[in-house]
Amino acid sequence: QVQLVESGGGLVQPGGSLRLSCAASGFPFAIVDMSWYRRAPGKEREFVANINFSGRTTNYGDSVKGRFTVARNNAKKMVYLQMNSLEPEDTAVYYCGWADFWGQGTQVTVSS
């Protein structure tokens, strides 16, 4: 069955960095596009980034452009989200997903 497991979240100070990872299994990872979304308390789900199957094409939400970078390793069935210059507004649960499948999420908290 489809499994998506996010990791790498935590507490970081403003201006800091985190790298999220997502381990995928149970579907043809190398031929599908992958996405990252986030949900902050009291807010709707927000698009963060996506990456096409080959890794050559990426897109980012306006609020993270220039600070976040999405990447993937098809051999390892992993997708990553490098987050730099983190701001308190980036505090949320981050999810990776494909089609209608999503992981359990990983909490990112940006606070001094």
N, C-alpha and C. Protein backbone atom coordinates (compact mmCIF):
# COMPACT_ATOMS: atom_id res chain seq x y z
N GLN A 1 0.83 -1.17 0.00
CA GLN A 1 0.00 0.00 0.00
C GLN A 1 0.88 1.25 0.00
N VAL A 2 0.27 2.36 -0.37
CA VAL A 2 1.02 3.61 -0.43
C VAL A 2 1.40 4.05 0.98
N GLN A 3 2.68 4.35 1.14
CA GLN A 3 3.15 4.91 2.41
C GLN A 3 4.03 6.12 2.14
N LEU A 4 3.79 7.16 2.91
CA LEU A 4 4.58 8.38 2.86
C LEU A 4 4.90 8.77 4.29
N VAL A 5 6.18 8.86 4.60
CA VAL A 5 6.59 9.12 5.98
C VAL A 5 7.52 10.32 5.99
N GLU A 6 7.03 11.40 6.58
CA GLU A 6 7.83 12.62 6.69
C GLU A 6 8.67 12.59 7.96
N SER A 7 9.80 13.25 7.91
CA SER A 7 10.66 13.39 9.09
C SER A 7 11.50 14.65 8.95
N GLY A 8 12.16 15.02 10.04
CA GLY A 8 13.07 16.15 10.00
C GLY A 8 12.55 17.43 10.61
N GLY A 9 11.30 17.43 11.04
CA GLY A 9 10.75 18.62 11.66
C GLY A 9 11.35 18.85 13.04
N GLY A 10 11.01 20.01 13.62
CA GLY A 10 11.51 20.32 14.95
C GLY A 10 11.35 21.79 15.26
N LEU A 11 12.02 22.20 16.33
CA LEU A 11 12.00 23.59 16.77
C LEU A 11 13.27 24.27 16.29
N VAL A 12 13.12 25.42 15.65
CA VAL A 12 14.27 26.15 15.14
C VAL A 12 14.04 27.63 15.35
N GLN A 13 15.12 28.36 15.54
CA GLN A 13 15.01 29.81 15.73
C GLN A 13 14.79 30.52 14.40
N PRO A 14 14.18 31.68 14.44
CA PRO A 14 14.04 32.46 13.20
C PRO A 14 15.39 32.67 12.53
N GLY A 15 15.39 32.52 11.22
CA GLY A 15 16.62 32.61 10.45
C GLY A 15 17.34 31.30 10.29
N GLY A 16 16.89 30.27 11.00
CA GLY A 16 17.52 28.97 10.93
C GLY A 16 17.07 28.15 9.75
N SER A 17 17.57 26.91 9.70
CA SER A 17 17.28 26.01 8.59
C SER A 17 16.86 24.64 9.10
N LEU A 18 16.09 23.97 8.29
CA LEU A 18 15.71 22.58 8.52
C LEU A 18 15.63 21.88 7.18
N ARG A 19 15.86 20.59 7.20
CA ARG A 19 15.69 19.78 6.00
C ARG A 19 14.68 18.69 6.31
N LEU A 20 13.56 18.72 5.61
CA LEU A 20 12.55 17.69 5.76
C LEU A 20 12.79 16.59 4.75
N SER A 21 12.46 15.36 5.15
CA SER A 21 12.57 14.22 4.27
C SER A 21 11.23 13.51 4.20
N CYS A 22 11.01 12.85 3.10
CA CYS A 22 9.78 12.07 2.92
C CYS A 22 10.17 10.76 2.24
N ALA A 23 9.92 9.66 2.92
CA ALA A 23 10.20 8.34 2.38
C ALA A 23 8.93 7.77 1.78
N ALA A 24 9.02 7.34 0.53
CA ALA A 24 7.84 6.86 -0.19
C ALA A 24 7.96 5.38 -0.50
N SER A 25 6.82 4.70 -0.53
CA SER A 25 6.79 3.30 -0.92
C SER A 25 5.38 2.95 -1.36
N GLY A 26 5.27 1.85 -2.11
CA GLY A 26 3.96 1.34 -2.50
C GLY A 26 3.36 1.93 -3.76
N PHE A 27 4.14 2.72 -4.47
CA PHE A 27 3.66 3.27 -5.74
C PHE A 27 4.87 3.58 -6.62
N PRO A 28 4.66 3.80 -7.93
CA PRO A 28 5.79 4.01 -8.85
C PRO A 28 6.39 5.41 -8.68
N PHE A 29 7.18 5.58 -7.65
CA PHE A 29 7.69 6.89 -7.25
C PHE A 29 8.40 7.61 -8.39
N ALA A 30 9.20 6.91 -9.14
CA ALA A 30 10.06 7.54 -10.14
C ALA A 30 9.30 8.16 -11.31
N ILE A 31 8.01 7.89 -11.44
CA ILE A 31 7.27 8.44 -12.57
C ILE A 31 6.15 9.38 -12.14
N VAL A 32 6.15 9.79 -10.88
CA VAL A 32 5.09 10.67 -10.41
C VAL A 32 5.68 11.96 -9.86
N ASP A 33 4.88 13.03 -9.97
CA ASP A 33 5.26 14.29 -9.37
C ASP A 33 4.93 14.24 -7.88
N MET A 34 5.73 14.94 -7.09
CA MET A 34 5.52 14.95 -5.65
C MET A 34 5.34 16.38 -5.15
N SER A 35 4.61 16.52 -4.06
CA SER A 35 4.30 17.85 -3.54
C SER A 35 4.54 17.93 -2.05
N TRP A 36 4.79 19.14 -1.60
CA TRP A 36 4.81 19.46 -0.17
C TRP A 36 3.71 20.51 0.07
N TYR A 37 2.94 20.28 1.12
CA TYR A 37 1.96 21.24 1.59
C TYR A 37 2.20 21.46 3.08
N ARG A 38 1.58 22.48 3.60
CA ARG A 38 1.66 22.71 5.05
C ARG A 38 0.32 23.23 5.54
N ARG A 39 0.09 23.00 6.83
CA ARG A 39 -1.12 23.51 7.48
C ARG A 39 -0.73 24.10 8.82
N ALA A 40 -0.98 25.40 8.95
CA ALA A 40 -0.73 26.08 10.21
C ALA A 40 -2.00 26.08 11.04
N PRO A 41 -1.89 26.20 12.33
CA PRO A 41 -3.08 26.21 13.19
C PRO A 41 -4.06 27.28 12.77
N GLY A 42 -5.31 26.88 12.59
CA GLY A 42 -6.34 27.84 12.24
C GLY A 42 -6.34 28.31 10.81
N LYS A 43 -5.46 27.74 9.99
CA LYS A 43 -5.37 28.17 8.59
C LYS A 43 -5.65 27.00 7.66
N GLU A 44 -5.93 27.34 6.41
CA GLU A 44 -6.16 26.30 5.42
C GLU A 44 -4.82 25.74 4.95
N ARG A 45 -4.91 24.57 4.34
CA ARG A 45 -3.71 23.96 3.77
C ARG A 45 -3.11 24.87 2.71
N GLU A 46 -1.80 24.97 2.71
CA GLU A 46 -1.09 25.87 1.81
C GLU A 46 -0.08 25.10 0.98
N PHE A 47 -0.08 25.36 -0.30
CA PHE A 47 0.90 24.75 -1.19
C PHE A 47 2.28 25.30 -0.88
N VAL A 48 3.26 24.41 -0.77
CA VAL A 48 4.63 24.82 -0.51
C VAL A 48 5.51 24.65 -1.75
N ALA A 49 5.52 23.43 -2.29
CA ALA A 49 6.39 23.16 -3.43
C ALA A 49 5.98 21.87 -4.10
N ASN A 50 6.34 21.74 -5.38
CA ASN A 50 6.24 20.44 -6.01
C ASN A 50 7.42 20.22 -6.93
N ILE A 51 7.61 18.98 -7.31
CA ILE A 51 8.74 18.61 -8.15
C ILE A 51 8.26 17.53 -9.10
N ASN A 52 8.65 17.66 -10.36
CA ASN A 52 8.17 16.67 -11.32
C ASN A 52 8.95 15.37 -11.17
N PHE A 53 8.52 14.35 -11.91
CA PHE A 53 9.05 13.01 -11.71
C PHE A 53 10.56 12.94 -11.90
N SER A 54 11.09 13.76 -12.82
CA SER A 54 12.53 13.69 -13.11
C SER A 54 13.35 14.59 -12.19
N GLY A 55 12.67 15.49 -11.50
CA GLY A 55 13.38 16.44 -10.67
C GLY A 55 13.81 17.70 -11.39
N ARG A 56 13.52 17.78 -12.68
CA ARG A 56 14.00 18.92 -13.47
C ARG A 56 13.11 20.15 -13.35
N THR A 57 11.87 19.94 -12.93
CA THR A 57 10.93 21.06 -12.84
C THR A 57 10.40 21.19 -11.42
N THR A 58 10.50 22.37 -10.88
CA THR A 58 10.01 22.62 -9.52
C THR A 58 9.14 23.89 -9.52
N ASN A 59 8.22 23.92 -8.58
CA ASN A 59 7.37 25.09 -8.39
C ASN A 59 7.26 25.36 -6.89
N TYR A 60 7.09 26.64 -6.54
CA TYR A 60 7.04 27.01 -5.14
C TYR A 60 5.90 27.98 -4.87
N GLY A 61 5.37 27.89 -3.66
CA GLY A 61 4.41 28.89 -3.23
C GLY A 61 5.10 30.24 -3.05
N ASP A 62 4.34 31.29 -3.22
CA ASP A 62 4.92 32.63 -3.17
C ASP A 62 5.60 32.92 -1.83
N SER A 63 5.07 32.38 -0.77
CA SER A 63 5.59 32.70 0.56
C SER A 63 6.93 32.02 0.86
N VAL A 64 7.32 31.05 0.04
CA VAL A 64 8.57 30.33 0.32
C VAL A 64 9.60 30.46 -0.79
N LYS A 65 9.23 31.10 -1.87
CA LYS A 65 10.16 31.25 -3.00
C LYS A 65 11.45 31.92 -2.55
N GLY A 66 12.56 31.35 -3.00
CA GLY A 66 13.86 31.91 -2.66
C GLY A 66 14.40 31.44 -1.32
N ARG A 67 13.58 30.77 -0.53
CA ARG A 67 14.03 30.29 0.78
C ARG A 67 14.01 28.76 0.87
N PHE A 68 13.07 28.13 0.19
CA PHE A 68 12.92 26.68 0.24
C PHE A 68 13.35 26.08 -1.09
N THR A 69 13.86 24.84 -1.00
CA THR A 69 14.26 24.10 -2.20
C THR A 69 13.78 22.67 -2.08
N VAL A 70 13.09 22.20 -3.10
CA VAL A 70 12.61 20.82 -3.13
C VAL A 70 13.53 20.01 -4.03
N ALA A 71 13.76 18.78 -3.61
CA ALA A 71 14.62 17.88 -4.39
C ALA A 71 14.14 16.45 -4.19
N ARG A 72 14.62 15.55 -5.02
CA ARG A 72 14.22 14.14 -4.88
C ARG A 72 15.37 13.24 -5.28
N ASN A 73 15.30 12.02 -4.77
CA ASN A 73 16.24 10.97 -5.14
C ASN A 73 15.40 9.76 -5.51
N ASN A 74 15.26 9.52 -6.79
CA ASN A 74 14.38 8.43 -7.23
C ASN A 74 14.91 7.06 -6.86
N ALA A 75 16.22 6.92 -6.82
CA ALA A 75 16.79 5.63 -6.45
C ALA A 75 16.45 5.27 -5.01
N LYS A 76 16.39 6.27 -4.16
CA LYS A 76 16.08 6.03 -2.74
C LYS A 76 14.60 6.23 -2.44
N LYS A 77 13.83 6.66 -3.42
CA LYS A 77 12.40 6.96 -3.22
C LYS A 77 12.21 7.98 -2.10
N MET A 78 12.96 9.04 -2.20
CA MET A 78 12.92 10.10 -1.20
C MET A 78 12.66 11.45 -1.86
N VAL A 79 11.94 12.28 -1.15
CA VAL A 79 11.78 13.68 -1.57
C VAL A 79 12.15 14.54 -0.37
N TYR A 80 12.77 15.68 -0.63
CA TYR A 80 13.32 16.52 0.42
C TYR A 80 12.79 17.95 0.28
N LEU A 81 12.80 18.64 1.41
CA LEU A 81 12.48 20.06 1.40
C LEU A 81 13.50 20.76 2.29
N GLN A 82 14.42 21.48 1.65
CA GLN A 82 15.40 22.27 2.37
C GLN A 82 14.79 23.64 2.65
N MET A 83 14.72 23.99 3.91
CA MET A 83 14.08 25.24 4.32
C MET A 83 15.11 26.14 4.99
N ASN A 84 15.37 27.26 4.39
CA ASN A 84 16.32 28.23 4.92
C ASN A 84 15.61 29.53 5.29
N SER A 85 16.31 30.35 6.06
CA SER A 85 15.77 31.66 6.47
C SER A 85 14.35 31.51 7.02
N LEU A 86 14.19 30.56 7.91
CA LEU A 86 12.86 30.27 8.43
C LEU A 86 12.31 31.43 9.24
N GLU A 87 11.01 31.60 9.13
CA GLU A 87 10.29 32.67 9.81
C GLU A 87 9.21 32.07 10.69
N PRO A 88 8.78 32.80 11.73
CA PRO A 88 7.69 32.26 12.57
C PRO A 88 6.45 31.88 11.76
N GLU A 89 6.23 32.57 10.65
CA GLU A 89 5.06 32.27 9.81
C GLU A 89 5.18 30.92 9.10
N ASP A 90 6.36 30.33 9.14
CA ASP A 90 6.55 29.00 8.54
C ASP A 90 6.14 27.89 9.49
N THR A 91 5.78 28.22 10.70
CA THR A 91 5.34 27.22 11.67
C THR A 91 4.09 26.53 11.17
N ALA A 92 4.16 25.21 11.06
CA ALA A 92 3.05 24.43 10.51
C ALA A 92 3.41 22.95 10.57
N VAL A 93 2.43 22.13 10.26
CA VAL A 93 2.70 20.72 9.99
C VAL A 93 2.91 20.60 8.49
N TYR A 94 4.00 19.96 8.11
CA TYR A 94 4.37 19.81 6.71
C TYR A 94 4.09 18.39 6.24
N TYR A 95 3.47 18.31 5.08
CA TYR A 95 3.07 17.03 4.52
C TYR A 95 3.65 16.85 3.11
N CYS A 96 4.09 15.64 2.83
CA CYS A 96 4.42 15.34 1.44
C CYS A 96 3.31 14.46 0.88
N GLY A 97 3.12 14.55 -0.43
CA GLY A 97 2.01 13.80 -0.99
C GLY A 97 2.09 13.60 -2.48
N TRP A 98 1.26 12.69 -2.91
CA TRP A 98 1.09 12.36 -4.32
C TRP A 98 -0.36 11.98 -4.52
N ALA A 99 -0.99 12.54 -5.55
CA ALA A 99 -2.41 12.28 -5.84
C ALA A 99 -3.20 12.57 -4.54
N ASP A 100 -3.96 11.62 -4.07
CA ASP A 100 -4.75 11.82 -2.85
C ASP A 100 -4.09 11.20 -1.62
N PHE A 101 -2.83 10.84 -1.75
CA PHE A 101 -2.13 10.20 -0.66
C PHE A 101 -1.19 11.19 0.04
N TRP A 102 -1.25 11.17 1.37
CA TRP A 102 -0.44 12.09 2.16
C TRP A 102 0.12 11.36 3.37
N GLY A 103 1.26 11.85 3.84
CA GLY A 103 1.83 11.27 5.04
C GLY A 103 1.16 11.82 6.28
N GLN A 104 1.75 11.49 7.43
CA GLN A 104 1.18 11.92 8.70
C GLN A 104 1.64 13.32 9.08
N GLY A 105 2.64 13.80 8.38
CA GLY A 105 3.12 15.16 8.60
C GLY A 105 4.23 15.23 9.63
N THR A 106 4.99 16.31 9.57
CA THR A 106 6.03 16.56 10.54
C THR A 106 5.92 18.02 10.98
N GLN A 107 6.00 18.23 12.29
CA GLN A 107 5.79 19.57 12.84
C GLN A 107 7.06 20.41 12.73
N VAL A 108 6.90 21.61 12.21
CA VAL A 108 7.97 22.59 12.16
C VAL A 108 7.53 23.80 12.98
N THR A 109 8.34 24.14 13.96
CA THR A 109 8.04 25.30 14.80
C THR A 109 9.22 26.26 14.74
N VAL A 110 8.93 27.50 14.34
CA VAL A 110 9.97 28.52 14.25
C VAL A 110 9.69 29.55 15.34
N SER A 111 10.56 29.58 16.32
CA SER A 111 10.33 30.45 17.47
C SER A 111 11.64 30.70 18.19
N SER A 112 11.74 31.89 18.77
CA SER A 112 12.92 32.20 19.57
C SER A 112 12.65 31.88 21.05
